[in-house]
Amino acid sequence: NTANLAIGDPPPSYDGSTIYCEVTNPDGTVMSDAATLTVQTAVDITFPEGLLYVVAEGGTVEISCSATGSPAPTEINFFTLNGVLLDGTGTDGPNERVTLSDLTDPTL
């Protein structure tokens, strides 16, 4: 006999759960080795959408973005609507802050 367990849309609280199966026949009951369930979650981005950043030409602007998820995001990049990658200073990881200096590029 074969039994299947399907868990539709598991909540994040199931992450790390230990799962095993138990089989019974007339001679008794046996438990399987345990398996661990890992629930991966979609990335949730925190970004100040709709804000207007005003900076004088040649000035500096700082824009922040953070993200959570499982597995954790490892890199955040900033782009313009034209698809131009903005190359500022910052660190890779779930919390990114880009500082753009000497702003003179008309493609932004």
PDB file of N, CA and C in Angstrom:
ATOM      1  N   ASN A   1       0.828  -1.179   0.000  1.00  0.00           N
ATOM      2  CA  ASN A   1       0.000   0.000   0.000  1.00  0.00           C
ATOM      3  C   ASN A   1       0.873   1.242   0.000  1.00  0.00           C
ATOM      4  N   THR A   2       0.366   2.302  -0.626  1.00  0.00           N
ATOM      5  CA  THR A   2       1.048   3.591  -0.650  1.00  0.00           C
ATOM      6  C   THR A   2       0.054   4.674  -0.252  1.00  0.00           C
ATOM      7  N   ALA A   3       0.484   5.554   0.617  1.00  0.00           N
ATOM      8  CA  ALA A   3      -0.335   6.703   1.007  1.00  0.00           C
ATOM      9  C   ALA A   3       0.438   7.964   0.667  1.00  0.00           C
ATOM     10  N   ASN A   4      -0.247   9.000   0.231  1.00  0.00           N
ATOM     11  CA  ASN A   4       0.367  10.281  -0.090  1.00  0.00           C
ATOM     12  C   ASN A   4      -0.259  11.366   0.763  1.00  0.00           C
ATOM     13  N   LEU A   5       0.548  12.280   1.170  1.00  0.00           N
ATOM     14  CA  LEU A   5       0.082  13.431   1.933  1.00  0.00           C
ATOM     15  C   LEU A   5       0.303  14.660   1.071  1.00  0.00           C
ATOM     16  N   ALA A   6      -0.725  15.436   0.812  1.00  0.00           N
ATOM     17  CA  ALA A   6      -0.624  16.686   0.067  1.00  0.00           C
ATOM     18  C   ALA A   6      -1.037  17.818   0.994  1.00  0.00           C
ATOM     19  N   ILE A   7      -0.171  18.797   1.141  1.00  0.00           N
ATOM     20  CA  ILE A   7      -0.464  19.959   1.971  1.00  0.00           C
ATOM     21  C   ILE A   7      -0.549  21.151   1.031  1.00  0.00           C
ATOM     22  N   GLY A   8      -1.758  21.613   0.778  1.00  0.00           N
ATOM     23  CA  GLY A   8      -1.940  22.758  -0.104  1.00  0.00           C
ATOM     24  C   GLY A   8      -1.766  24.065   0.643  1.00  0.00           C
ATOM     25  N   ASP A   9      -0.975  24.960   0.068  1.00  0.00           N
ATOM     26  CA  ASP A   9      -0.750  26.297   0.628  1.00  0.00           C
ATOM     27  C   ASP A   9      -0.360  26.240   2.107  1.00  0.00           C
ATOM     28  N   PRO A  10       0.747  25.562   2.424  1.00  0.00           N
ATOM     29  CA  PRO A  10       1.136  25.457   3.835  1.00  0.00           C
ATOM     30  C   PRO A  10       1.490  26.824   4.413  1.00  0.00           C
ATOM     31  N   PRO A  11       1.030  27.131   5.609  1.00  0.00           N
ATOM     32  CA  PRO A  11       1.374  28.418   6.223  1.00  0.00           C
ATOM     33  C   PRO A  11       2.834  28.429   6.667  1.00  0.00           C
ATOM     34  N   PRO A  12       3.430  29.604   6.776  1.00  0.00           N
ATOM     35  CA  PRO A  12       4.820  29.698   7.233  1.00  0.00           C
ATOM     36  C   PRO A  12       5.059  29.025   8.581  1.00  0.00           C
ATOM     37  N   SER A  13       4.013  28.907   9.411  1.00  0.00           N
ATOM     38  CA  SER A  13       4.178  28.273  10.726  1.00  0.00           C
ATOM     39  C   SER A  13       4.532  26.788  10.607  1.00  0.00           C
ATOM     40  N   TYR A  14       4.303  26.170   9.427  1.00  0.00           N
ATOM     41  CA  TYR A  14       4.673  24.768   9.214  1.00  0.00           C
ATOM     42  C   TYR A  14       6.172  24.604   8.974  1.00  0.00           C
ATOM     43  N   ASP A  15       6.881  25.702   8.724  1.00  0.00           N
ATOM     44  CA  ASP A  15       8.315  25.618   8.439  1.00  0.00           C
ATOM     45  C   ASP A  15       9.050  24.967   9.602  1.00  0.00           C
ATOM     46  N   GLY A  16       9.856  23.982   9.301  1.00  0.00           N
ATOM     47  CA  GLY A  16      10.625  23.270  10.313  1.00  0.00           C
ATOM     48  C   GLY A  16       9.874  22.133  10.973  1.00  0.00           C
ATOM     49  N   SER A  17       8.644  21.873  10.529  1.00  0.00           N
ATOM     50  CA  SER A  17       7.859  20.786  11.125  1.00  0.00           C
ATOM     51  C   SER A  17       8.483  19.428  10.825  1.00  0.00           C
ATOM     52  N   THR A  18       8.397  18.551  11.789  1.00  0.00           N
ATOM     53  CA  THR A  18       8.858  17.175  11.609  1.00  0.00           C
ATOM     54  C   THR A  18       7.665  16.336  11.154  1.00  0.00           C
ATOM     55  N   ILE A  19       7.867  15.586  10.072  1.00  0.00           N
ATOM     56  CA  ILE A  19       6.789  14.766   9.513  1.00  0.00           C
ATOM     57  C   ILE A  19       7.279  13.318   9.463  1.00  0.00           C
ATOM     58  N   TYR A  20       6.400  12.425   9.796  1.00  0.00           N
ATOM     59  CA  TYR A  20       6.713  10.996   9.691  1.00  0.00           C
ATOM     60  C   TYR A  20       5.418  10.262   9.367  1.00  0.00           C
ATOM     61  N   CYS A  21       5.555   9.033   8.953  1.00  0.00           N
ATOM     62  CA  CYS A  21       4.345   8.237   8.750  1.00  0.00           C
ATOM     63  C   CYS A  21       4.381   7.035   9.689  1.00  0.00           C
ATOM     64  N   GLU A  22       3.208   6.573   9.974  1.00  0.00           N
ATOM     65  CA  GLU A  22       3.045   5.440  10.868  1.00  0.00           C
ATOM     66  C   GLU A  22       2.258   4.373  10.100  1.00  0.00           C
ATOM     67  N   VAL A  23       2.776   3.147  10.091  1.00  0.00           N
ATOM     68  CA  VAL A  23       2.152   2.054   9.346  1.00  0.00           C
ATOM     69  C   VAL A  23       1.756   0.955  10.330  1.00  0.00           C
ATOM     70  N   THR A  24       0.523   0.484  10.168  1.00  0.00           N
ATOM     71  CA  THR A  24       0.005  -0.541  11.063  1.00  0.00           C
ATOM     72  C   THR A  24      -0.469  -1.742  10.250  1.00  0.00           C
ATOM     73  N   ASN A  25      -0.144  -2.924  10.731  1.00  0.00           N
ATOM     74  CA  ASN A  25      -0.699  -4.171  10.174  1.00  0.00           C
ATOM     75  C   ASN A  25      -1.006  -5.087  11.361  1.00  0.00           C
ATOM     76  N   PRO A  26      -1.502  -6.287  11.115  1.00  0.00           N
ATOM     77  CA  PRO A  26      -1.861  -7.177  12.233  1.00  0.00           C
ATOM     78  C   PRO A  26      -0.707  -7.482  13.180  1.00  0.00           C
ATOM     79  N   ASP A  27       0.546  -7.326  12.718  1.00  0.00           N
ATOM     80  CA  ASP A  27       1.684  -7.617  13.582  1.00  0.00           C
ATOM     81  C   ASP A  27       2.122  -6.428  14.436  1.00  0.00           C
ATOM     82  N   GLY A  28       1.550  -5.259  14.188  1.00  0.00           N
ATOM     83  CA  GLY A  28       1.931  -4.100  15.003  1.00  0.00           C
ATOM     84  C   GLY A  28       2.019  -2.815  14.198  1.00  0.00           C
ATOM     85  N   THR A  29       2.657  -1.862  14.814  1.00  0.00           N
ATOM     86  CA  THR A  29       2.794  -0.525  14.227  1.00  0.00           C
ATOM     87  C   THR A  29       4.272  -0.154  14.167  1.00  0.00           C
ATOM     88  N   VAL A  30       4.653   0.446  13.029  1.00  0.00           N
ATOM     89  CA  VAL A  30       6.037   0.894  12.827  1.00  0.00           C
ATOM     90  C   VAL A  30       5.997   2.356  12.385  1.00  0.00           C
ATOM     91  N   MET A  31       6.941   3.137  12.901  1.00  0.00           N
ATOM     92  CA  MET A  31       7.030   4.546  12.542  1.00  0.00           C
ATOM     93  C   MET A  31       8.233   4.751  11.626  1.00  0.00           C
ATOM     94  N   SER A  32       8.072   5.597  10.603  1.00  0.00           N
ATOM     95  CA  SER A  32       9.169   5.892   9.671  1.00  0.00           C
ATOM     96  C   SER A  32      10.188   6.813  10.323  1.00  0.00           C
ATOM     97  N   ASP A  33      11.305   6.985   9.638  1.00  0.00           N
ATOM     98  CA  ASP A  33      12.241   8.033  10.026  1.00  0.00           C
ATOM     99  C   ASP A  33      11.560   9.374   9.769  1.00  0.00           C
ATOM    100  N   ALA A  34      12.020  10.391  10.448  1.00  0.00           N
ATOM    101  CA  ALA A  34      11.406  11.711  10.324  1.00  0.00           C
ATOM    102  C   ALA A  34      11.968  12.475   9.125  1.00  0.00           C
ATOM    103  N   ALA A  35      11.141  13.330   8.550  1.00  0.00           N
ATOM    104  CA  ALA A  35      11.551  14.275   7.519  1.00  0.00           C
ATOM    105  C   ALA A  35      11.190  15.670   8.024  1.00  0.00           C
ATOM    106  N   THR A  36      11.877  16.668   7.525  1.00  0.00           N
ATOM    107  CA  THR A  36      11.613  18.047   7.937  1.00  0.00           C
ATOM    108  C   THR A  36      10.988  18.812   6.783  1.00  0.00           C
ATOM    109  N   LEU A  37       9.940  19.538   7.060  1.00  0.00           N
ATOM    110  CA  LEU A  37       9.256  20.336   6.055  1.00  0.00           C
ATOM    111  C   LEU A  37       9.814  21.756   6.073  1.00  0.00           C
ATOM    112  N   THR A  38      10.225  22.231   4.906  1.00  0.00           N
ATOM    113  CA  THR A  38      10.683  23.606   4.747  1.00  0.00           C
ATOM    114  C   THR A  38       9.668  24.346   3.896  1.00  0.00           C
ATOM    115  N   VAL A  39       9.105  25.414   4.434  1.00  0.00           N
ATOM    116  CA  VAL A  39       8.129  26.215   3.699  1.00  0.00           C
ATOM    117  C   VAL A  39       8.829  27.464   3.185  1.00  0.00           C
ATOM    118  N   GLN A  40       8.892  27.596   1.870  1.00  0.00           N
ATOM    119  CA  GLN A  40       9.481  28.782   1.269  1.00  0.00           C
ATOM    120  C   GLN A  40       8.373  29.805   1.047  1.00  0.00           C
ATOM    121  N   THR A  41       8.669  31.049   1.380  1.00  0.00           N
ATOM    122  CA  THR A  41       7.673  32.097   1.233  1.00  0.00           C
ATOM    123  C   THR A  41       8.095  33.069   0.143  1.00  0.00           C
ATOM    124  N   ALA A  42       7.113  33.707  -0.452  1.00  0.00           N
ATOM    125  CA  ALA A  42       7.387  34.691  -1.492  1.00  0.00           C
ATOM    126  C   ALA A  42       8.110  35.887  -0.885  1.00  0.00           C
ATOM    127  N   VAL A  43       8.833  36.586  -1.715  1.00  0.00           N
ATOM    128  CA  VAL A  43       9.541  37.779  -1.259  1.00  0.00           C
ATOM    129  C   VAL A  43       8.535  38.902  -1.026  1.00  0.00           C
ATOM    130  N   ASP A  44       8.668  39.553   0.108  1.00  0.00           N
ATOM    131  CA  ASP A  44       7.847  40.704   0.452  1.00  0.00           C
ATOM    132  C   ASP A  44       8.762  41.919   0.460  1.00  0.00           C
ATOM    133  N   ILE A  45       8.472  42.899  -0.400  1.00  0.00           N
ATOM    134  CA  ILE A  45       9.338  44.063  -0.557  1.00  0.00           C
ATOM    135  C   ILE A  45       8.730  45.262   0.155  1.00  0.00           C
ATOM    136  N   THR A  46       9.574  45.973   0.906  1.00  0.00           N
ATOM    137  CA  THR A  46       9.185  47.224   1.526  1.00  0.00           C
ATOM    138  C   THR A  46       9.936  48.339   0.806  1.00  0.00           C
ATOM    139  N   PHE A  47       9.188  49.155   0.068  1.00  0.00           N
ATOM    140  CA  PHE A  47       9.787  50.237  -0.707  1.00  0.00           C
ATOM    141  C   PHE A  47       8.815  51.406  -0.676  1.00  0.00           C
ATOM    142  N   PRO A  48       9.302  52.616  -0.469  1.00  0.00           N
ATOM    143  CA  PRO A  48       8.408  53.772  -0.344  1.00  0.00           C
ATOM    144  C   PRO A  48       7.806  54.173  -1.690  1.00  0.00           C
ATOM    145  N   GLU A  49       6.880  53.360  -2.175  1.00  0.00           N
ATOM    146  CA  GLU A  49       6.247  53.596  -3.472  1.00  0.00           C
ATOM    147  C   GLU A  49       5.459  54.901  -3.459  1.00  0.00           C
ATOM    148  N   GLY A  50       5.555  55.625  -4.538  1.00  0.00           N
ATOM    149  CA  GLY A  50       4.787  56.849  -4.680  1.00  0.00           C
ATOM    150  C   GLY A  50       5.471  58.085  -4.126  1.00  0.00           C
ATOM    151  N   LEU A  51       6.588  57.918  -3.443  1.00  0.00           N
ATOM    152  CA  LEU A  51       7.302  59.088  -2.939  1.00  0.00           C
ATOM    153  C   LEU A  51       7.996  59.801  -4.090  1.00  0.00           C
ATOM    154  N   LEU A  52       8.143  61.076  -3.968  1.00  0.00           N
ATOM    155  CA  LEU A  52       8.854  61.870  -4.957  1.00  0.00           C
ATOM    156  C   LEU A  52      10.185  62.283  -4.345  1.00  0.00           C
ATOM    157  N   TYR A  53      11.261  61.861  -4.962  1.00  0.00           N
ATOM    158  CA  TYR A  53      12.591  62.242  -4.508  1.00  0.00           C
ATOM    159  C   TYR A  53      13.031  63.437  -5.334  1.00  0.00           C
ATOM    160  N   VAL A  54      13.361  64.527  -4.678  1.00  0.00           N
ATOM    161  CA  VAL A  54      13.808  65.731  -5.353  1.00  0.00           C
ATOM    162  C   VAL A  54      15.248  65.976  -4.938  1.00  0.00           C
ATOM    163  N   VAL A  55      16.104  66.137  -5.946  1.00  0.00           N
ATOM    164  CA  VAL A  55      17.514  66.391  -5.672  1.00  0.00           C
ATOM    165  C   VAL A  55      18.046  67.318  -6.755  1.00  0.00           C
ATOM    166  N   ALA A  56      18.880  68.243  -6.349  1.00  0.00           N
ATOM    167  CA  ALA A  56      19.486  69.157  -7.306  1.00  0.00           C
ATOM    168  C   ALA A  56      20.536  68.426  -8.127  1.00  0.00           C
ATOM    169  N   GLU A  57      20.720  68.868  -9.376  1.00  0.00           N
ATOM    170  CA  GLU A  57      21.745  68.262 -10.227  1.00  0.00           C
ATOM    171  C   GLU A  57      23.089  68.345  -9.514  1.00  0.00           C
ATOM    172  N   GLY A  58      23.811  67.240  -9.537  1.00  0.00           N
ATOM    173  CA  GLY A  58      25.086  67.156  -8.845  1.00  0.00           C
ATOM    174  C   GLY A  58      24.942  66.804  -7.373  1.00  0.00           C
ATOM    175  N   GLY A  59      23.703  66.712  -6.892  1.00  0.00           N
ATOM    176  CA  GLY A  59      23.453  66.414  -5.490  1.00  0.00           C
ATOM    177  C   GLY A  59      23.448  64.926  -5.209  1.00  0.00           C
ATOM    178  N   THR A  60      23.014  64.581  -4.032  1.00  0.00           N
ATOM    179  CA  THR A  60      22.985  63.194  -3.573  1.00  0.00           C
ATOM    180  C   THR A  60      21.591  62.860  -3.080  1.00  0.00           C
ATOM    181  N   VAL A  61      21.122  61.648  -3.410  1.00  0.00           N
ATOM    182  CA  VAL A  61      19.839  61.161  -2.914  1.00  0.00           C
ATOM    183  C   VAL A  61      20.051  59.758  -2.362  1.00  0.00           C
ATOM    184  N   GLU A  62      19.353  59.434  -1.281  1.00  0.00           N
ATOM    185  CA  GLU A  62      19.459  58.102  -0.679  1.00  0.00           C
ATOM    186  C   GLU A  62      18.088  57.447  -0.720  1.00  0.00           C
ATOM    187  N   ILE A  63      18.012  56.243  -1.288  1.00  0.00           N
ATOM    188  CA  ILE A  63      16.763  55.500  -1.432  1.00  0.00           C
ATOM    189  C   ILE A  63      16.956  54.137  -0.787  1.00  0.00           C
ATOM    190  N   SER A  64      15.996  53.710   0.050  1.00  0.00           N
ATOM    191  CA  SER A  64      16.115  52.439   0.767  1.00  0.00           C
ATOM    192  C   SER A  64      15.072  51.442   0.285  1.00  0.00           C
ATOM    193  N   CYS A  65      15.434  50.174   0.335  1.00  0.00           N
ATOM    194  CA  CYS A  65      14.529  49.081  -0.008  1.00  0.00           C
ATOM    195  C   CYS A  65      14.892  47.899   0.887  1.00  0.00           C
ATOM    196  N   SER A  66      13.887  47.221   1.432  1.00  0.00           N
ATOM    197  CA  SER A  66      14.164  46.014   2.220  1.00  0.00           C
ATOM    198  C   SER A  66      13.220  44.915   1.761  1.00  0.00           C
ATOM    199  N   ALA A  67      13.631  43.680   1.961  1.00  0.00           N
ATOM    200  CA  ALA A  67      12.839  42.541   1.516  1.00  0.00           C
ATOM    201  C   ALA A  67      13.021  41.380   2.484  1.00  0.00           C
ATOM    202  N   THR A  68      11.951  40.601   2.638  1.00  0.00           N
ATOM    203  CA  THR A  68      12.010  39.396   3.447  1.00  0.00           C
ATOM    204  C   THR A  68      11.469  38.238   2.627  1.00  0.00           C
ATOM    205  N   GLY A  69      11.812  37.030   2.996  1.00  0.00           N
ATOM    206  CA  GLY A  69      11.320  35.840   2.323  1.00  0.00           C
ATOM    207  C   GLY A  69      12.090  34.629   2.820  1.00  0.00           C
ATOM    208  N   SER A  70      11.652  33.481   2.403  1.00  0.00           N
ATOM    209  CA  SER A  70      12.338  32.247   2.774  1.00  0.00           C
ATOM    210  C   SER A  70      12.452  31.376   1.527  1.00  0.00           C
ATOM    211  N   PRO A  71      13.651  31.170   1.007  1.00  0.00           N
ATOM    212  CA  PRO A  71      14.928  31.639   1.564  1.00  0.00           C
ATOM    213  C   PRO A  71      15.052  33.162   1.503  1.00  0.00           C
ATOM    214  N   ALA A  72      15.908  33.700   2.378  1.00  0.00           N
ATOM    215  CA  ALA A  72      16.080  35.145   2.474  1.00  0.00           C
ATOM    216  C   ALA A  72      16.677  35.702   1.187  1.00  0.00           C
ATOM    217  N   PRO A  73      16.192  36.874   0.759  1.00  0.00           N
ATOM    218  CA  PRO A  73      16.789  37.517  -0.418  1.00  0.00           C
ATOM    219  C   PRO A  73      18.267  37.801  -0.166  1.00  0.00           C
ATOM    220  N   THR A  74      19.072  37.657  -1.193  1.00  0.00           N
ATOM    221  CA  THR A  74      20.511  37.859  -1.047  1.00  0.00           C
ATOM    222  C   THR A  74      21.016  39.090  -1.779  1.00  0.00           C
ATOM    223  N   GLU A  75      20.180  39.697  -2.621  1.00  0.00           N
ATOM    224  CA  GLU A  75      20.634  40.854  -3.383  1.00  0.00           C
ATOM    225  C   GLU A  75      19.443  41.726  -3.750  1.00  0.00           C
ATOM    226  N   ILE A  76      19.638  43.026  -3.680  1.00  0.00           N
ATOM    227  CA  ILE A  76      18.636  43.992  -4.106  1.00  0.00           C
ATOM    228  C   ILE A  76      19.325  44.972  -5.043  1.00  0.00           C
ATOM    229  N   ASN A  77      18.712  45.224  -6.186  1.00  0.00           N
ATOM    230  CA  ASN A  77      19.243  46.188  -7.139  1.00  0.00           C
ATOM    231  C   ASN A  77      18.188  47.243  -7.417  1.00  0.00           C
ATOM    232  N   PHE A  78      18.613  48.393  -7.863  1.00  0.00           N
ATOM    233  CA  PHE A  78      17.720  49.497  -8.199  1.00  0.00           C
ATOM    234  C   PHE A  78      17.807  49.766  -9.693  1.00  0.00           C
ATOM    235  N   PHE A  79      16.634  49.944 -10.315  1.00  0.00           N
ATOM    236  CA  PHE A  79      16.556  50.220 -11.741  1.00  0.00           C
ATOM    237  C   PHE A  79      15.635  51.408 -11.968  1.00  0.00           C
ATOM    238  N   THR A  80      15.819  52.086 -13.096  1.00  0.00           N
ATOM    239  CA  THR A  80      14.863  53.103 -13.525  1.00  0.00           C
ATOM    240  C   THR A  80      13.796  52.413 -14.365  1.00  0.00           C
ATOM    241  N   LEU A  81      12.724  53.129 -14.689  1.00  0.00           N
ATOM    242  CA  LEU A  81      11.689  52.556 -15.553  1.00  0.00           C
ATOM    243  C   LEU A  81      12.229  52.249 -16.941  1.00  0.00           C
ATOM    244  N   ASN A  82      13.332  52.897 -17.317  1.00  0.00           N
ATOM    245  CA  ASN A  82      13.974  52.617 -18.607  1.00  0.00           C
ATOM    246  C   ASN A  82      14.817  51.351 -18.562  1.00  0.00           C
ATOM    247  N   GLY A  83      14.885  50.707 -17.409  1.00  0.00           N
ATOM    248  CA  GLY A  83      15.682  49.490 -17.272  1.00  0.00           C
ATOM    249  C   GLY A  83      17.145  49.738 -16.985  1.00  0.00           C
ATOM    250  N   VAL A  84      17.488  50.974 -16.645  1.00  0.00           N
ATOM    251  CA  VAL A  84      18.877  51.316 -16.349  1.00  0.00           C
ATOM    252  C   VAL A  84      19.187  50.920 -14.909  1.00  0.00           C
ATOM    253  N   LEU A  85      20.223  50.103 -14.743  1.00  0.00           N
ATOM    254  CA  LEU A  85      20.661  49.708 -13.403  1.00  0.00           C
ATOM    255  C   LEU A  85      21.338  50.895 -12.749  1.00  0.00           C
ATOM    256  N   LEU A  86      20.857  51.296 -11.591  1.00  0.00           N
ATOM    257  CA  LEU A  86      21.465  52.402 -10.853  1.00  0.00           C
ATOM    258  C   LEU A  86      22.597  51.859 -10.010  1.00  0.00           C
ATOM    259  N   ASP A  87      23.769  52.355 -10.238  1.00  0.00           N
ATOM    260  CA  ASP A  87      24.956  51.870  -9.546  1.00  0.00           C
ATOM    261  C   ASP A  87      25.336  52.878  -8.484  1.00  0.00           C
ATOM    262  N   GLY A  88      24.936  52.615  -7.261  1.00  0.00           N
ATOM    263  CA  GLY A  88      25.269  53.480  -6.145  1.00  0.00           C
ATOM    264  C   GLY A  88      26.087  52.702  -5.138  1.00  0.00           C
ATOM    265  N   THR A  89      26.142  53.205  -3.941  1.00  0.00           N
ATOM    266  CA  THR A  89      26.834  52.486  -2.882  1.00  0.00           C
ATOM    267  C   THR A  89      25.806  51.794  -2.019  1.00  0.00           C
ATOM    268  N   GLY A  90      26.156  50.680  -1.465  1.00  0.00           N
ATOM    269  CA  GLY A  90      25.237  49.931  -0.621  1.00  0.00           C
ATOM    270  C   GLY A  90      25.807  48.555  -0.351  1.00  0.00           C
ATOM    271  N   THR A  91      25.027  47.719   0.300  1.00  0.00           N
ATOM    272  CA  THR A  91      25.471  46.367   0.597  1.00  0.00           C
ATOM    273  C   THR A  91      24.429  45.391   0.086  1.00  0.00           C
ATOM    274  N   ASP A  92      24.890  44.239  -0.375  1.00  0.00           N
ATOM    275  CA  ASP A  92      23.969  43.191  -0.802  1.00  0.00           C
ATOM    276  C   ASP A  92      23.331  42.573   0.430  1.00  0.00           C
ATOM    277  N   GLY A  93      22.100  42.118   0.278  1.00  0.00           N
ATOM    278  CA  GLY A  93      21.416  41.478   1.382  1.00  0.00           C
ATOM    279  C   GLY A  93      19.969  41.903   1.430  1.00  0.00           C
ATOM    280  N   PRO A  94      19.279  41.557   2.508  1.00  0.00           N
ATOM    281  CA  PRO A  94      17.843  41.832   2.578  1.00  0.00           C
ATOM    282  C   PRO A  94      17.499  43.294   2.835  1.00  0.00           C
ATOM    283  N   ASN A  95      18.478  44.125   3.178  1.00  0.00           N
ATOM    284  CA  ASN A  95      18.239  45.549   3.388  1.00  0.00           C
ATOM    285  C   ASN A  95      19.263  46.320   2.574  1.00  0.00           C
ATOM    286  N   GLU A  96      18.789  47.022   1.574  1.00  0.00           N
ATOM    287  CA  GLU A  96      19.699  47.716   0.665  1.00  0.00           C
ATOM    288  C   GLU A  96      19.404  49.200   0.711  1.00  0.00           C
ATOM    289  N   ARG A  97      20.428  49.973   0.710  1.00  0.00           N
ATOM    290  CA  ARG A  97      20.306  51.424   0.623  1.00  0.00           C
ATOM    291  C   ARG A  97      21.272  51.860  -0.457  1.00  0.00           C
ATOM    292  N   VAL A  98      20.777  52.609  -1.415  1.00  0.00           N
ATOM    293  CA  VAL A  98      21.635  53.087  -2.484  1.00  0.00           C
ATOM    294  C   VAL A  98      21.780  54.593  -2.325  1.00  0.00           C
ATOM    295  N   THR A  99      23.001  55.065  -2.460  1.00  0.00           N
ATOM    296  CA  THR A  99      23.283  56.491  -2.424  1.00  0.00           C
ATOM    297  C   THR A  99      23.823  56.871  -3.786  1.00  0.00           C
ATOM    298  N   LEU A 100      23.107  57.738  -4.459  1.00  0.00           N
ATOM    299  CA  LEU A 100      23.513  58.192  -5.784  1.00  0.00           C
ATOM    300  C   LEU A 100      24.059  59.599  -5.649  1.00  0.00           C
ATOM    301  N   SER A 101      25.291  59.799  -6.145  1.00  0.00           N
ATOM    302  CA  SER A 101      25.951  61.086  -6.036  1.00  0.00           C
ATOM    303  C   SER A 101      26.233  61.667  -7.412  1.00  0.00           C
ATOM    304  N   ASP A 102      26.447  62.953  -7.464  1.00  0.00           N
ATOM    305  CA  ASP A 102      26.769  63.666  -8.705  1.00  0.00           C
ATOM    306  C   ASP A 102      25.762  63.336  -9.799  1.00  0.00           C
ATOM    307  N   LEU A 103      24.490  63.511  -9.511  1.00  0.00           N
ATOM    308  CA  LEU A 103      23.415  63.140 -10.436  1.00  0.00           C
ATOM    309  C   LEU A 103      23.352  64.116 -11.613  1.00  0.00           C
ATOM    310  N   THR A 104      23.807  63.637 -12.759  1.00  0.00           N
ATOM    311  CA  THR A 104      23.747  64.436 -13.984  1.00  0.00           C
ATOM    312  C   THR A 104      23.253  63.627 -15.160  1.00  0.00           C
ATOM    313  N   ASP A 105      22.973  62.321 -14.976  1.00  0.00           N
ATOM    314  CA  ASP A 105      22.583  61.419 -16.065  1.00  0.00           C
ATOM    315  C   ASP A 105      21.150  61.714 -16.491  1.00  0.00           C
ATOM    316  N   PRO A 106      20.915  62.183 -17.746  1.00  0.00           N
ATOM    317  CA  PRO A 106      19.555  62.493 -18.179  1.00  0.00           C
ATOM    318  C   PRO A 106      18.688  61.270 -18.431  1.00  0.00           C
ATOM    319  N   THR A 107      19.245  60.048 -18.420  1.00  0.00           N
ATOM    320  CA  THR A 107      18.451  58.842 -18.695  1.00  0.00           C
ATOM    321  C   THR A 107      17.679  58.390 -17.480  1.00  0.00           C
ATOM    322  N   LEU A 108      17.921  58.974 -16.316  1.00  0.00           N
ATOM    323  CA  LEU A 108      17.208  58.558 -15.119  1.00  0.00           C
ATOM    324  C   LEU A 108      15.772  58.980 -15.219  1.00  0.00           C
TER     325      LEU A 108
END
